[in-house]
Amino acid sequence: MFAYIIRRIFAAVVLLLVVSAVTFAIFFLLPRFAGETTDQLAAQYIGKNPSPEAIAAVKSNLGLDQPLYTQYWNFLKALVSGAEYKFGPEPATCHVPCFGYSFKNHLEVWPEMTSRIPVTISLAIGAAVLWLVSGVTTGVISALKPRSIFDRLSMGVALAGVSLPVFFTGALLLTLFSYEWPILDNLEYVDFTDDPLMWARNLILPWVSLAFLYSALYARLTRAGMLETMSEDYIRTARAKGLAERKVVVKHGLRSALTPIITIFGMDLGLLLGGALITEQVFSLKGVGQFAVQAISDNDLPKILGVTLLAAFFIVVCNLVVDLLYALVDPRVRLS
């Protein structure tokens, strides 16, 4: 088990390095293949009507005239040891971890992102708990009672949940519960440490909006997995041995059906932690997703690069946790 954990952690570190290299190549190598000069690339980091002095300063700070491998090494070194940029009368310090420096507003990217991470984490974790509990529970009950009224009704609702986009359900919930019936009005993010009740109250609608979509997917997936698992020979053997039905369903049936659910859950949670763009825009939540949208609209490349790396980090970490959970859910992983 210990060797398995070490192997998965090492693989995650290698994957992060590969992702950083690919991301770096997209931002610094592909523009050159498209025919951009170093001056044109440097001008994109400044904004409209850049002066020759500003372009020269950006080229010097980013080392755009240096070989690509040297630029990548400086990029990695800045992540672990910080960097210093000379842009103006006083040098600007980019502290560890240096995810980039915006030459448009002269601010570090990492502090701007970290101020928004609690919003996105609160949104993603709360919605994930809702959709996992409701989706898996609905799927299990539907599989145990196939073709029943509950099964047909729940799968019909699940089909509607899969079909309706988040921006529609989010706008509908806002219209009903914030404007028509002002039960949940004035939805502004409140930090959990300041007021846990207001934190939960103001995130209920975003949670429900996200969970409605994902719980529908998980309900259908759980139902399909449970229907297949409950017809296996070892399930009939467990019942023949006189085990309680709850133990047969939970320990032998659901545990075997959890493997694909854990896989998809890790991917979904990682993607949301990297920024729930649509939900944050609909509910005006100042999270990582809204930060990414603003960076794209402003064409602020260091911010876009920082968000991309942060999202990749969350996805890799969530997949690492999934790999470790496999060993708990499926003993065959520990033995392999």
C-alpha atoms as a PDB file:
ATOM      1  CA  MET A   1       0.000   0.000   0.000  1.00  0.00           C
ATOM      2  CA  PHE A   2       2.834   2.407   0.877  1.00  0.00           C
ATOM      3  CA  ALA A   3       4.616   1.652  -2.395  1.00  0.00           C
ATOM      4  CA  TYR A   4       1.357   2.261  -4.279  1.00  0.00           C
ATOM      5  CA  ILE A   5       0.951   5.679  -2.637  1.00  0.00           C
ATOM      6  CA  ILE A   6       4.542   6.659  -3.425  1.00  0.00           C
ATOM      7  CA  ARG A   7       4.099   5.607  -7.068  1.00  0.00           C
ATOM      8  CA  ARG A   8       0.908   7.641  -7.446  1.00  0.00           C
ATOM      9  CA  ILE A   9       2.441  10.752  -5.822  1.00  0.00           C
ATOM     10  CA  PHE A  10       5.499  10.497  -8.069  1.00  0.00           C
ATOM     11  CA  ALA A  11       3.267  10.109 -11.128  1.00  0.00           C
ATOM     12  CA  ALA A  12       1.251  13.184 -10.057  1.00  0.00           C
ATOM     13  CA  VAL A  13       4.424  15.288  -9.741  1.00  0.00           C
ATOM     14  CA  VAL A  14       5.615  14.175 -13.179  1.00  0.00           C
ATOM     15  CA  LEU A  15       2.182  14.945 -14.635  1.00  0.00           C
ATOM     16  CA  LEU A  16       2.251  18.444 -13.134  1.00  0.00           C
ATOM     17  CA  LEU A  17       5.625  19.052 -14.777  1.00  0.00           C
ATOM     18  CA  VAL A  18       4.265  17.845 -18.117  1.00  0.00           C
ATOM     19  CA  VAL A  19       1.191  20.053 -17.767  1.00  0.00           C
ATOM     20  CA  SER A  20       3.337  23.071 -16.916  1.00  0.00           C
ATOM     21  CA  ALA A  21       5.530  22.403 -19.969  1.00  0.00           C
ATOM     22  CA  VAL A  22       2.530  22.073 -22.293  1.00  0.00           C
ATOM     23  CA  THR A  23       0.919  25.201 -20.845  1.00  0.00           C
ATOM     24  CA  PHE A  24       4.153  27.125 -21.201  1.00  0.00           C
ATOM     25  CA  ALA A  25       4.500  25.971 -24.814  1.00  0.00           C
ATOM     26  CA  ILE A  26       0.961  27.117 -25.630  1.00  0.00           C
ATOM     27  CA  PHE A  27       1.662  30.623 -24.362  1.00  0.00           C
ATOM     28  CA  PHE A  28       5.266  31.064 -25.523  1.00  0.00           C
ATOM     29  CA  LEU A  29       5.977  28.575 -28.334  1.00  0.00           C
ATOM     30  CA  LEU A  30       2.783  28.423 -30.422  1.00  0.00           C
ATOM     31  CA  PRO A  31       2.709  32.209 -31.060  1.00  0.00           C
ATOM     32  CA  ARG A  32       6.142  31.883 -32.664  1.00  0.00           C
ATOM     33  CA  PHE A  33       4.897  29.071 -34.889  1.00  0.00           C
ATOM     34  CA  ALA A  34       2.082  31.428 -35.899  1.00  0.00           C
ATOM     35  CA  GLY A  35       4.680  33.947 -37.048  1.00  0.00           C
ATOM     36  CA  GLU A  36       4.678  36.379 -34.108  1.00  0.00           C
ATOM     37  CA  THR A  37       7.903  38.189 -33.293  1.00  0.00           C
ATOM     38  CA  THR A  38       9.142  38.673 -29.751  1.00  0.00           C
ATOM     39  CA  ASP A  39       8.054  42.313 -29.921  1.00  0.00           C
ATOM     40  CA  GLN A  40       4.510  41.314 -30.875  1.00  0.00           C
ATOM     41  CA  LEU A  41       4.414  38.696 -28.119  1.00  0.00           C
ATOM     42  CA  ALA A  42       5.677  41.204 -25.547  1.00  0.00           C
ATOM     43  CA  ALA A  43       3.094  43.759 -26.672  1.00  0.00           C
ATOM     44  CA  GLN A  44       0.277  41.351 -25.774  1.00  0.00           C
ATOM     45  CA  TYR A  45       1.390  41.433 -22.136  1.00  0.00           C
ATOM     46  CA  ILE A  46       1.071  45.210 -21.890  1.00  0.00           C
ATOM     47  CA  GLY A  47      -2.145  46.303 -23.538  1.00  0.00           C
ATOM     48  CA  LYS A  48      -3.168  48.834 -26.134  1.00  0.00           C
ATOM     49  CA  ASN A  49      -0.653  51.175 -27.735  1.00  0.00           C
ATOM     50  CA  PRO A  50       2.473  49.982 -25.888  1.00  0.00           C
ATOM     51  CA  SER A  51       5.561  52.141 -26.049  1.00  0.00           C
ATOM     52  CA  PRO A  52       8.863  50.736 -27.353  1.00  0.00           C
ATOM     53  CA  GLU A  53      10.328  51.132 -23.854  1.00  0.00           C
ATOM     54  CA  ALA A  54       7.515  49.052 -22.319  1.00  0.00           C
ATOM     55  CA  ILE A  55       7.942  46.323 -24.950  1.00  0.00           C
ATOM     56  CA  ALA A  56      11.687  46.219 -24.301  1.00  0.00           C
ATOM     57  CA  ALA A  57      11.085  45.980 -20.552  1.00  0.00           C
ATOM     58  CA  VAL A  58       8.680  43.048 -20.926  1.00  0.00           C
ATOM     59  CA  LYS A  59      11.072  41.258 -23.280  1.00  0.00           C
ATOM     60  CA  SER A  60      13.865  41.689 -20.755  1.00  0.00           C
ATOM     61  CA  ASN A  61      11.782  40.603 -17.758  1.00  0.00           C
ATOM     62  CA  LEU A  62      10.342  37.503 -19.463  1.00  0.00           C
ATOM     63  CA  GLY A  63      13.549  36.689 -21.325  1.00  0.00           C
ATOM     64  CA  LEU A  64      11.751  36.396 -24.648  1.00  0.00           C
ATOM     65  CA  ASP A  65      15.043  36.746 -26.560  1.00  0.00           C
ATOM     66  CA  GLN A  66      16.535  33.770 -24.697  1.00  0.00           C
ATOM     67  CA  PRO A  67      16.228  30.110 -25.804  1.00  0.00           C
ATOM     68  CA  LEU A  68      12.907  28.495 -24.985  1.00  0.00           C
ATOM     69  CA  TYR A  69      14.403  25.994 -22.522  1.00  0.00           C
ATOM     70  CA  THR A  70      15.969  28.887 -20.594  1.00  0.00           C
ATOM     71  CA  GLN A  71      12.617  30.672 -20.468  1.00  0.00           C
ATOM     72  CA  TYR A  72      10.942  27.498 -19.181  1.00  0.00           C
ATOM     73  CA  TRP A  73      13.613  27.012 -16.526  1.00  0.00           C
ATOM     74  CA  ASN A  74      13.166  30.611 -15.345  1.00  0.00           C
ATOM     75  CA  PHE A  75       9.410  30.005 -15.306  1.00  0.00           C
ATOM     76  CA  LEU A  76       9.783  26.938 -13.057  1.00  0.00           C
ATOM     77  CA  LYS A  77      12.315  28.709 -10.862  1.00  0.00           C
ATOM     78  CA  ALA A  78       9.907  31.601 -10.334  1.00  0.00           C
ATOM     79  CA  LEU A  79       7.249  29.160  -9.087  1.00  0.00           C
ATOM     80  CA  VAL A  80       9.487  27.873  -6.291  1.00  0.00           C
ATOM     81  CA  SER A  81      11.731  30.842  -5.531  1.00  0.00           C
ATOM     82  CA  GLY A  82       9.876  33.918  -6.804  1.00  0.00           C
ATOM     83  CA  ALA A  83      11.027  36.519  -9.333  1.00  0.00           C
ATOM     84  CA  GLU A  84      11.825  40.200  -9.617  1.00  0.00           C
ATOM     85  CA  TYR A  85      10.625  42.359 -12.500  1.00  0.00           C
ATOM     86  CA  LYS A  86      12.130  45.718 -13.407  1.00  0.00           C
ATOM     87  CA  PHE A  87       9.305  47.728 -14.890  1.00  0.00           C
ATOM     88  CA  GLY A  88       9.560  51.338 -13.859  1.00  0.00           C
ATOM     89  CA  PRO A  89      11.623  53.221 -11.302  1.00  0.00           C
ATOM     90  CA  GLU A  90      11.264  50.515  -8.641  1.00  0.00           C
ATOM     91  CA  PRO A  91      11.551  46.739  -9.183  1.00  0.00           C
ATOM     92  CA  ALA A  92       8.446  44.637  -8.535  1.00  0.00           C
ATOM     93  CA  THR A  93       8.774  41.403  -6.566  1.00  0.00           C
ATOM     94  CA  CYS A  94       6.694  38.352  -7.434  1.00  0.00           C
ATOM     95  CA  HIS A  95       6.636  36.248  -4.286  1.00  0.00           C
ATOM     96  CA  VAL A  96       6.573  32.457  -4.031  1.00  0.00           C
ATOM     97  CA  PRO A  97       4.692  30.841  -5.679  1.00  0.00           C
ATOM     98  CA  CYS A  98       5.031  33.211  -8.621  1.00  0.00           C
ATOM     99  CA  PHE A  99       2.227  32.271 -11.020  1.00  0.00           C
ATOM    100  CA  GLY A 100       2.958  35.355 -13.083  1.00  0.00           C
ATOM    101  CA  TYR A 101       2.932  39.125 -12.940  1.00  0.00           C
ATOM    102  CA  SER A 102       0.363  41.264 -14.720  1.00  0.00           C
ATOM    103  CA  PHE A 103       2.134  44.067 -16.549  1.00  0.00           C
ATOM    104  CA  LYS A 104      -1.250  45.699 -17.250  1.00  0.00           C
ATOM    105  CA  ASN A 105      -2.222  46.439 -13.645  1.00  0.00           C
ATOM    106  CA  HIS A 106       1.202  45.764 -12.068  1.00  0.00           C
ATOM    107  CA  LEU A 107      -0.094  43.138  -9.643  1.00  0.00           C
ATOM    108  CA  GLU A 108       0.958  39.591  -8.837  1.00  0.00           C
ATOM    109  CA  VAL A 109      -1.376  36.922 -10.174  1.00  0.00           C
ATOM    110  CA  TRP A 110      -1.209  34.554  -7.188  1.00  0.00           C
ATOM    111  CA  PRO A 111      -2.578  36.935  -4.500  1.00  0.00           C
ATOM    112  CA  GLU A 112      -5.445  37.889  -6.815  1.00  0.00           C
ATOM    113  CA  MET A 113      -6.312  34.230  -7.357  1.00  0.00           C
ATOM    114  CA  THR A 114      -5.986  33.214  -3.708  1.00  0.00           C
ATOM    115  CA  SER A 115      -8.467  35.891  -2.683  1.00  0.00           C
ATOM    116  CA  ARG A 116     -11.022  34.150  -4.913  1.00  0.00           C
ATOM    117  CA  ILE A 117     -10.178  30.512  -4.162  1.00  0.00           C
ATOM    118  CA  PRO A 118     -12.324  30.329  -0.957  1.00  0.00           C
ATOM    119  CA  VAL A 119     -15.406  31.298  -2.985  1.00  0.00           C
ATOM    120  CA  THR A 120     -14.808  28.602  -5.583  1.00  0.00           C
ATOM    121  CA  ILE A 121     -13.938  25.954  -2.983  1.00  0.00           C
ATOM    122  CA  SER A 122     -17.107  26.746  -1.014  1.00  0.00           C
ATOM    123  CA  LEU A 123     -19.193  26.516  -4.176  1.00  0.00           C
ATOM    124  CA  ALA A 124     -17.577  23.299  -5.422  1.00  0.00           C
ATOM    125  CA  ILE A 125     -17.489  21.389  -2.116  1.00  0.00           C
ATOM    126  CA  GLY A 126     -21.071  22.272  -1.141  1.00  0.00           C
ATOM    127  CA  ALA A 127     -22.460  21.369  -4.548  1.00  0.00           C
ATOM    128  CA  ALA A 128     -20.391  18.162  -4.645  1.00  0.00           C
ATOM    129  CA  VAL A 129     -21.815  16.956  -1.320  1.00  0.00           C
ATOM    130  CA  LEU A 130     -25.353  17.649  -2.537  1.00  0.00           C
ATOM    131  CA  TRP A 131     -25.035  15.947  -5.906  1.00  0.00           C
ATOM    132  CA  LEU A 132     -23.085  12.968  -4.563  1.00  0.00           C
ATOM    133  CA  VAL A 133     -25.539  12.187  -1.765  1.00  0.00           C
ATOM    134  CA  SER A 134     -28.706  12.840  -3.784  1.00  0.00           C
ATOM    135  CA  GLY A 135     -27.442  11.275  -7.009  1.00  0.00           C
ATOM    136  CA  VAL A 136     -26.038   8.071  -5.512  1.00  0.00           C
ATOM    137  CA  THR A 137     -29.022   7.600  -3.180  1.00  0.00           C
ATOM    138  CA  THR A 138     -31.509   8.078  -6.012  1.00  0.00           C
ATOM    139  CA  GLY A 139     -29.556   5.732  -8.268  1.00  0.00           C
ATOM    140  CA  VAL A 140     -29.391   2.983  -5.640  1.00  0.00           C
ATOM    141  CA  ILE A 141     -33.122   3.150  -4.851  1.00  0.00           C
ATOM    142  CA  SER A 142     -33.993   3.170  -8.562  1.00  0.00           C
ATOM    143  CA  ALA A 143     -31.798   0.104  -9.156  1.00  0.00           C
ATOM    144  CA  LEU A 144     -33.388  -1.768  -6.250  1.00  0.00           C
ATOM    145  CA  LYS A 145     -36.879  -0.926  -7.546  1.00  0.00           C
ATOM    146  CA  PRO A 146     -36.556  -1.070 -11.331  1.00  0.00           C
ATOM    147  CA  ARG A 147     -39.551  -0.007 -13.435  1.00  0.00           C
ATOM    148  CA  SER A 148     -41.342   1.246 -10.331  1.00  0.00           C
ATOM    149  CA  ILE A 149     -43.031   4.640 -10.098  1.00  0.00           C
ATOM    150  CA  PHE A 150     -40.043   6.015  -8.179  1.00  0.00           C
ATOM    151  CA  ASP A 151     -37.638   4.678 -10.794  1.00  0.00           C
ATOM    152  CA  ARG A 152     -39.539   6.175 -13.723  1.00  0.00           C
ATOM    153  CA  LEU A 153     -40.120   9.496 -11.957  1.00  0.00           C
ATOM    154  CA  SER A 154     -36.529   9.884 -10.737  1.00  0.00           C
ATOM    155  CA  MET A 155     -35.053   8.963 -14.129  1.00  0.00           C
ATOM    156  CA  GLY A 156     -37.412  11.449 -15.784  1.00  0.00           C
ATOM    157  CA  VAL A 157     -36.213  14.176 -13.444  1.00  0.00           C
ATOM    158  CA  ALA A 158     -32.630  13.058 -14.076  1.00  0.00           C
ATOM    159  CA  LEU A 159     -33.177  13.393 -17.825  1.00  0.00           C
ATOM    160  CA  ALA A 160     -34.462  16.928 -17.283  1.00  0.00           C
ATOM    161  CA  GLY A 161     -31.460  17.712 -15.087  1.00  0.00           C
ATOM    162  CA  VAL A 162     -29.023  16.511 -17.744  1.00  0.00           C
ATOM    163  CA  SER A 163     -30.844  18.464 -20.454  1.00  0.00           C
ATOM    164  CA  LEU A 164     -31.184  21.824 -18.690  1.00  0.00           C
ATOM    165  CA  PRO A 165     -28.011  23.974 -18.686  1.00  0.00           C
ATOM    166  CA  VAL A 166     -26.728  25.591 -15.510  1.00  0.00           C
ATOM    167  CA  PHE A 167     -27.319  29.136 -16.741  1.00  0.00           C
ATOM    168  CA  PHE A 168     -31.025  28.309 -17.226  1.00  0.00           C
ATOM    169  CA  THR A 169     -31.595  26.628 -13.846  1.00  0.00           C
ATOM    170  CA  GLY A 170     -29.507  29.295 -12.103  1.00  0.00           C
ATOM    171  CA  ALA A 171     -31.463  32.157 -13.687  1.00  0.00           C
ATOM    172  CA  LEU A 172     -34.745  30.357 -12.921  1.00  0.00           C
ATOM    173  CA  LEU A 173     -33.828  29.890  -9.250  1.00  0.00           C
ATOM    174  CA  LEU A 174     -32.788  33.534  -8.975  1.00  0.00           C
ATOM    175  CA  THR A 175     -36.041  34.690 -10.568  1.00  0.00           C
ATOM    176  CA  LEU A 176     -38.196  32.564  -8.285  1.00  0.00           C
ATOM    177  CA  PHE A 177     -36.452  32.791  -4.920  1.00  0.00           C
ATOM    178  CA  SER A 178     -34.709  36.177  -5.112  1.00  0.00           C
ATOM    179  CA  TYR A 179     -37.175  38.332  -7.069  1.00  0.00           C
ATOM    180  CA  GLU A 180     -40.671  36.768  -7.237  1.00  0.00           C
ATOM    181  CA  TRP A 181     -40.523  35.364  -3.706  1.00  0.00           C
ATOM    182  CA  PRO A 182     -37.596  37.157  -2.000  1.00  0.00           C
ATOM    183  CA  ILE A 183     -36.774  34.280   0.324  1.00  0.00           C
ATOM    184  CA  LEU A 184     -33.090  34.294  -0.597  1.00  0.00           C
ATOM    185  CA  ASP A 185     -32.374  37.848  -1.690  1.00  0.00           C
ATOM    186  CA  ASN A 186     -29.156  39.886  -1.430  1.00  0.00           C
ATOM    187  CA  LEU A 187     -26.934  36.911  -2.272  1.00  0.00           C
ATOM    188  CA  GLU A 188     -23.384  37.995  -1.536  1.00  0.00           C
ATOM    189  CA  TYR A 189     -20.599  35.668  -0.521  1.00  0.00           C
ATOM    190  CA  VAL A 190     -19.895  35.648   3.209  1.00  0.00           C
ATOM    191  CA  ASP A 191     -16.797  33.905   4.518  1.00  0.00           C
ATOM    192  CA  PHE A 192     -17.484  30.749   6.506  1.00  0.00           C
ATOM    193  CA  THR A 193     -15.423  31.955   9.467  1.00  0.00           C
ATOM    194  CA  ASP A 194     -17.403  35.210   9.655  1.00  0.00           C
ATOM    195  CA  ASP A 195     -20.933  33.745   9.661  1.00  0.00           C
ATOM    196  CA  PRO A 196     -21.467  30.035   8.826  1.00  0.00           C
ATOM    197  CA  LEU A 197     -25.254  30.415   8.565  1.00  0.00           C
ATOM    198  CA  MET A 198     -25.091  33.329   6.123  1.00  0.00           C
ATOM    199  CA  TRP A 199     -22.347  31.488   4.230  1.00  0.00           C
ATOM    200  CA  ALA A 200     -24.669  28.522   3.686  1.00  0.00           C
ATOM    201  CA  ARG A 201     -27.763  30.668   3.046  1.00  0.00           C
ATOM    202  CA  ASN A 202     -26.136  32.700   0.297  1.00  0.00           C
ATOM    203  CA  LEU A 203     -24.747  29.607  -1.436  1.00  0.00           C
ATOM    204  CA  ILE A 204     -27.889  27.453  -1.394  1.00  0.00           C
ATOM    205  CA  LEU A 205     -29.099  28.527  -4.835  1.00  0.00           C
ATOM    206  CA  PRO A 206     -25.693  28.087  -6.549  1.00  0.00           C
ATOM    207  CA  TRP A 207     -25.321  24.695  -4.856  1.00  0.00           C
ATOM    208  CA  VAL A 208     -28.757  23.541  -5.996  1.00  0.00           C
ATOM    209  CA  SER A 209     -28.184  24.853  -9.512  1.00  0.00           C
ATOM    210  CA  LEU A 210     -24.942  22.894  -9.876  1.00  0.00           C
ATOM    211  CA  ALA A 211     -26.131  19.829  -7.973  1.00  0.00           C
ATOM    212  CA  PHE A 212     -29.268  19.487 -10.120  1.00  0.00           C
ATOM    213  CA  LEU A 213     -27.126  18.922 -13.202  1.00  0.00           C
ATOM    214  CA  TYR A 214     -24.524  16.647 -11.655  1.00  0.00           C
ATOM    215  CA  SER A 215     -26.862  14.619  -9.431  1.00  0.00           C
ATOM    216  CA  ALA A 216     -28.838  13.663 -12.535  1.00  0.00           C
ATOM    217  CA  LEU A 217     -25.686  12.271 -14.144  1.00  0.00           C
ATOM    218  CA  TYR A 218     -24.684  10.419 -10.979  1.00  0.00           C
ATOM    219  CA  ALA A 219     -28.165   8.974 -10.482  1.00  0.00           C
ATOM    220  CA  ARG A 220     -28.168   7.464 -13.974  1.00  0.00           C
ATOM    221  CA  LEU A 221     -24.601   6.191 -13.603  1.00  0.00           C
ATOM    222  CA  THR A 222     -25.271   4.671 -10.171  1.00  0.00           C
ATOM    223  CA  ARG A 223     -28.463   3.024 -11.368  1.00  0.00           C
ATOM    224  CA  ALA A 224     -26.709   1.411 -14.334  1.00  0.00           C
ATOM    225  CA  GLY A 225     -23.816   0.209 -12.173  1.00  0.00           C
ATOM    226  CA  MET A 226     -26.049  -1.177  -9.434  1.00  0.00           C
ATOM    227  CA  LEU A 227     -28.313  -3.017 -11.912  1.00  0.00           C
ATOM    228  CA  GLU A 228     -25.257  -4.763 -13.334  1.00  0.00           C
ATOM    229  CA  THR A 229     -23.669  -5.474  -9.947  1.00  0.00           C
ATOM    230  CA  MET A 230     -26.799  -6.788  -8.220  1.00  0.00           C
ATOM    231  CA  SER A 231     -27.169  -9.494 -10.879  1.00  0.00           C
ATOM    232  CA  GLU A 232     -23.691 -10.913 -10.245  1.00  0.00           C
ATOM    233  CA  ASP A 233     -23.163 -14.391  -8.814  1.00  0.00           C
ATOM    234  CA  TYR A 234     -21.413 -13.180  -5.656  1.00  0.00           C
ATOM    235  CA  ILE A 235     -24.482 -11.091  -4.758  1.00  0.00           C
ATOM    236  CA  ARG A 236     -26.676 -14.196  -4.951  1.00  0.00           C
ATOM    237  CA  THR A 237     -24.089 -16.050  -2.876  1.00  0.00           C
ATOM    238  CA  ALA A 238     -24.123 -13.314  -0.216  1.00  0.00           C
ATOM    239  CA  ARG A 239     -27.915 -13.505   0.004  1.00  0.00           C
ATOM    240  CA  ALA A 240     -27.813 -17.303   0.143  1.00  0.00           C
ATOM    241  CA  LYS A 241     -25.444 -17.089   3.121  1.00  0.00           C
ATOM    242  CA  GLY A 242     -28.133 -15.150   4.986  1.00  0.00           C
ATOM    243  CA  LEU A 243     -26.541 -11.715   5.031  1.00  0.00           C
ATOM    244  CA  ALA A 244     -28.841  -8.801   5.763  1.00  0.00           C
ATOM    245  CA  GLU A 245     -30.135  -7.072   2.628  1.00  0.00           C
ATOM    246  CA  ARG A 246     -28.675  -3.734   3.691  1.00  0.00           C
ATOM    247  CA  LYS A 247     -25.237  -5.306   4.049  1.00  0.00           C
ATOM    248  CA  VAL A 248     -25.565  -6.998   0.669  1.00  0.00           C
ATOM    249  CA  VAL A 249     -26.548  -3.728  -1.009  1.00  0.00           C
ATOM    250  CA  VAL A 250     -24.064  -1.411   0.711  1.00  0.00           C
ATOM    251  CA  LYS A 251     -20.989  -3.572   1.282  1.00  0.00           C
ATOM    252  CA  HIS A 252     -21.122  -5.840  -1.764  1.00  0.00           C
ATOM    253  CA  GLY A 253     -23.286  -4.058  -4.321  1.00  0.00           C
ATOM    254  CA  LEU A 254     -22.643  -0.344  -3.900  1.00  0.00           C
ATOM    255  CA  ARG A 255     -18.970  -0.779  -3.083  1.00  0.00           C
ATOM    256  CA  SER A 256     -18.360  -2.512  -6.397  1.00  0.00           C
ATOM    257  CA  ALA A 257     -20.395   0.084  -8.294  1.00  0.00           C
ATOM    258  CA  LEU A 258     -18.494   2.996  -6.738  1.00  0.00           C
ATOM    259  CA  THR A 259     -15.331   2.676  -8.847  1.00  0.00           C
ATOM    260  CA  PRO A 260     -16.585   4.539 -11.962  1.00  0.00           C
ATOM    261  CA  ILE A 261     -18.440   7.022  -9.750  1.00  0.00           C
ATOM    262  CA  ILE A 262     -15.249   7.892  -7.851  1.00  0.00           C
ATOM    263  CA  THR A 263     -13.412   8.369 -11.157  1.00  0.00           C
ATOM    264  CA  ILE A 264     -15.950  10.820 -12.542  1.00  0.00           C
ATOM    265  CA  PHE A 265     -16.342  12.557  -9.182  1.00  0.00           C
ATOM    266  CA  GLY A 266     -12.616  13.299  -9.056  1.00  0.00           C
ATOM    267  CA  MET A 267     -12.692  14.814 -12.532  1.00  0.00           C
ATOM    268  CA  ASP A 268     -15.854  16.844 -11.887  1.00  0.00           C
ATOM    269  CA  LEU A 269     -14.638  18.203  -8.561  1.00  0.00           C
ATOM    270  CA  GLY A 270     -11.246  19.086 -10.010  1.00  0.00           C
ATOM    271  CA  LEU A 271     -12.845  20.958 -12.898  1.00  0.00           C
ATOM    272  CA  LEU A 272     -15.121  22.907 -10.546  1.00  0.00           C
ATOM    273  CA  LEU A 273     -12.245  23.793  -8.215  1.00  0.00           C
ATOM    274  CA  GLY A 274     -10.501  25.220 -11.243  1.00  0.00           C
ATOM    275  CA  GLY A 275     -13.441  27.575 -11.677  1.00  0.00           C
ATOM    276  CA  ALA A 276     -17.207  27.187 -12.157  1.00  0.00           C
ATOM    277  CA  LEU A 277     -17.370  29.880 -14.816  1.00  0.00           C
ATOM    278  CA  ILE A 278     -21.078  29.866 -15.685  1.00  0.00           C
ATOM    279  CA  THR A 279     -22.381  29.481 -12.131  1.00  0.00           C
ATOM    280  CA  GLU A 280     -20.126  32.216 -10.787  1.00  0.00           C
ATOM    281  CA  GLN A 281     -21.210  34.542 -13.578  1.00  0.00           C
ATOM    282  CA  VAL A 282     -24.925  33.851 -13.064  1.00  0.00           C
ATOM    283  CA  PHE A 283     -24.800  34.391  -9.305  1.00  0.00           C
ATOM    284  CA  SER A 284     -22.122  37.132  -9.406  1.00  0.00           C
ATOM    285  CA  LEU A 285     -19.723  35.144  -7.242  1.00  0.00           C
ATOM    286  CA  LYS A 286     -16.181  36.516  -7.269  1.00  0.00           C
ATOM    287  CA  GLY A 287     -14.454  33.176  -7.631  1.00  0.00           C
ATOM    288  CA  VAL A 288     -11.712  31.743  -9.822  1.00  0.00           C
ATOM    289  CA  GLY A 289     -14.125  31.236 -12.721  1.00  0.00           C
ATOM    290  CA  GLN A 290     -15.150  34.880 -12.802  1.00  0.00           C
ATOM    291  CA  PHE A 291     -11.479  35.827 -12.465  1.00  0.00           C
ATOM    292  CA  ALA A 292     -10.725  33.712 -15.556  1.00  0.00           C
ATOM    293  CA  VAL A 293     -13.551  35.296 -17.555  1.00  0.00           C
ATOM    294  CA  GLN A 294     -12.301  38.773 -16.656  1.00  0.00           C
ATOM    295  CA  ALA A 295      -8.714  37.846 -17.550  1.00  0.00           C
ATOM    296  CA  ILE A 296      -9.820  36.543 -20.949  1.00  0.00           C
ATOM    297  CA  SER A 297     -11.921  39.634 -21.669  1.00  0.00           C
ATOM    298  CA  ASP A 298      -8.956  41.842 -20.709  1.00  0.00           C
ATOM    299  CA  ASN A 299      -6.551  39.629 -22.700  1.00  0.00           C
ATOM    300  CA  ASP A 300      -4.301  39.548 -19.629  1.00  0.00           C
ATOM    301  CA  LEU A 301      -2.031  36.615 -20.528  1.00  0.00           C
ATOM    302  CA  PRO A 302      -0.239  36.181 -17.160  1.00  0.00           C
ATOM    303  CA  LYS A 303      -3.610  35.857 -15.420  1.00  0.00           C
ATOM    304  CA  ILE A 304      -4.867  33.367 -18.005  1.00  0.00           C
ATOM    305  CA  LEU A 305      -1.648  31.366 -17.609  1.00  0.00           C
ATOM    306  CA  GLY A 306      -2.006  31.408 -13.818  1.00  0.00           C
ATOM    307  CA  VAL A 307      -5.634  30.237 -13.899  1.00  0.00           C
ATOM    308  CA  THR A 308      -4.730  27.464 -16.346  1.00  0.00           C
ATOM    309  CA  LEU A 309      -1.978  26.173 -14.066  1.00  0.00           C
ATOM    310  CA  LEU A 310      -4.220  26.400 -11.005  1.00  0.00           C
ATOM    311  CA  ALA A 311      -7.008  24.458 -12.711  1.00  0.00           C
ATOM    312  CA  ALA A 312      -4.522  21.808 -13.864  1.00  0.00           C
ATOM    313  CA  PHE A 313      -3.166  21.537 -10.316  1.00  0.00           C
ATOM    314  CA  PHE A 314      -6.640  20.925  -8.878  1.00  0.00           C
ATOM    315  CA  ILE A 315      -7.441  18.285 -11.503  1.00  0.00           C
ATOM    316  CA  VAL A 316      -4.172  16.418 -10.925  1.00  0.00           C
ATOM    317  CA  VAL A 317      -4.566  16.532  -7.135  1.00  0.00           C
ATOM    318  CA  CYS A 318      -8.184  15.337  -7.293  1.00  0.00           C
ATOM    319  CA  ASN A 319      -7.153  12.458  -9.552  1.00  0.00           C
ATOM    320  CA  LEU A 320      -4.379  11.590  -7.098  1.00  0.00           C
ATOM    321  CA  VAL A 321      -6.953  11.427  -4.296  1.00  0.00           C
ATOM    322  CA  VAL A 322      -9.141   9.243  -6.530  1.00  0.00           C
ATOM    323  CA  ASP A 323      -6.267   6.832  -7.107  1.00  0.00           C
ATOM    324  CA  LEU A 324      -5.709   6.577  -3.358  1.00  0.00           C
ATOM    325  CA  LEU A 325      -9.424   6.007  -2.761  1.00  0.00           C
ATOM    326  CA  TYR A 326      -9.357   3.132  -5.228  1.00  0.00           C
ATOM    327  CA  ALA A 327      -7.147   1.232  -2.815  1.00  0.00           C
ATOM    328  CA  LEU A 328      -9.761   1.649  -0.078  1.00  0.00           C
ATOM    329  CA  VAL A 329     -12.773   0.774  -2.228  1.00  0.00           C
ATOM    330  CA  ASP A 330     -11.246  -2.053  -4.278  1.00  0.00           C
ATOM    331  CA  PRO A 331      -8.789  -4.393  -2.468  1.00  0.00           C
ATOM    332  CA  ARG A 332      -7.520  -5.651  -5.841  1.00  0.00           C
ATOM    333  CA  VAL A 333      -5.723  -2.315  -6.314  1.00  0.00           C
ATOM    334  CA  ARG A 334      -3.737  -2.849  -3.123  1.00  0.00           C
ATOM    335  CA  LEU A 335      -2.727  -6.322  -4.252  1.00  0.00           C
ATOM    336  CA  SER A 336      -1.764  -5.358  -7.794  1.00  0.00           C
END
